[in-house]
Amino acid sequence: MKPTTQRGLDNAIKLLIQSPEFDRIRLFLVADASQGTGEAEEIIKMIGDEIRNHLITHGKAVAAIKRGL
């Protein structure tokens, strides 16, 4: 990964972790840890998939705007 990409990703993750919305995600992860259900990996994968899908949709929208649609 390019250093600038890594730096940008690090900054984005730090902002996400500090956001109030992340507290809801944190509650799911804490609850999972305290119950010992082992769903944390599934929760993290779901979050990553949702972020990826959002970015893909956003990228398509930006591309459409650039094409003048």
Protein backbone atom coordinates (compact mmCIF):
# COMPACT_ATOMS: atom_id res chain seq x y z
CA MET A 1 0.00 0.00 0.00
CA LYS A 2 1.26 3.47 -0.85
CA PRO A 3 2.38 5.53 2.16
CA THR A 4 -0.14 8.28 1.34
CA THR A 5 -2.95 5.74 1.12
CA GLN A 6 -1.91 4.21 4.44
CA ARG A 7 -1.74 7.63 6.08
CA GLY A 8 -5.17 8.60 4.74
CA LEU A 9 -6.67 5.31 5.89
CA ASP A 10 -5.12 5.70 9.34
CA ASN A 11 -6.56 9.21 9.65
CA ALA A 12 -10.01 8.05 8.51
CA ILE A 13 -10.03 5.19 11.01
CA LYS A 14 -8.98 7.53 13.84
CA LEU A 15 -11.83 9.91 12.96
CA LEU A 16 -14.28 7.01 12.81
CA ILE A 17 -13.23 5.65 16.19
CA GLN A 18 -13.64 9.09 17.78
CA SER A 19 -17.10 9.67 16.28
CA PRO A 20 -20.22 9.37 18.44
CA GLU A 21 -21.69 6.92 15.93
CA PHE A 22 -18.87 4.49 16.61
CA ASP A 23 -20.08 4.20 20.22
CA ARG A 24 -22.99 2.07 18.96
CA ILE A 25 -20.59 -0.28 17.21
CA ARG A 26 -18.40 -0.37 20.30
CA LEU A 27 -21.43 -1.45 22.38
CA PHE A 28 -21.99 -4.46 20.10
CA LEU A 29 -18.34 -5.45 20.37
CA VAL A 30 -18.27 -5.03 24.17
CA ALA A 31 -21.49 -7.01 24.55
CA ASP A 32 -20.06 -9.78 22.40
CA ALA A 33 -16.87 -9.88 24.45
CA SER A 34 -18.76 -10.03 27.74
CA GLN A 35 -21.09 -12.79 26.52
CA GLY A 36 -18.33 -14.77 24.89
CA THR A 37 -20.45 -15.50 21.82
CA GLY A 38 -17.53 -14.96 19.43
CA GLU A 39 -19.51 -12.85 16.97
CA ALA A 40 -16.98 -10.00 16.98
CA GLU A 41 -15.34 -11.15 13.74
CA GLU A 42 -18.74 -11.34 12.05
CA ILE A 43 -19.65 -7.86 13.35
CA ILE A 44 -16.35 -6.40 12.13
CA LYS A 45 -16.73 -8.08 8.72
CA MET A 46 -20.26 -6.69 8.40
CA ILE A 47 -19.04 -3.18 9.24
CA GLY A 48 -16.22 -3.46 6.71
CA ASP A 49 -18.60 -4.74 4.03
CA GLU A 50 -21.05 -1.91 4.66
CA ILE A 51 -18.28 0.70 4.48
CA ARG A 52 -16.98 -0.85 1.25
CA ASN A 53 -20.47 -0.88 -0.30
CA HIS A 54 -20.99 2.74 0.70
CA LEU A 55 -17.68 3.76 -0.86
CA ILE A 56 -18.47 1.90 -4.08
CA THR A 57 -21.86 3.63 -4.31
CA HIS A 58 -20.25 6.97 -3.53
CA GLY A 59 -17.58 6.38 -6.18
CA LYS A 60 -20.21 5.57 -8.80
CA ALA A 61 -22.15 8.72 -7.91
CA VAL A 62 -19.02 10.88 -8.21
CA ALA A 63 -18.19 9.28 -11.56
CA ALA A 64 -21.74 9.97 -12.80
CA ILE A 65 -21.48 13.62 -11.73
CA LYS A 66 -18.17 13.94 -13.57
CA ARG A 67 -19.79 12.50 -16.71
CA GLY A 68 -22.55 15.07 -16.36
CA LEU A 69 -25.41 12.72 -15.58
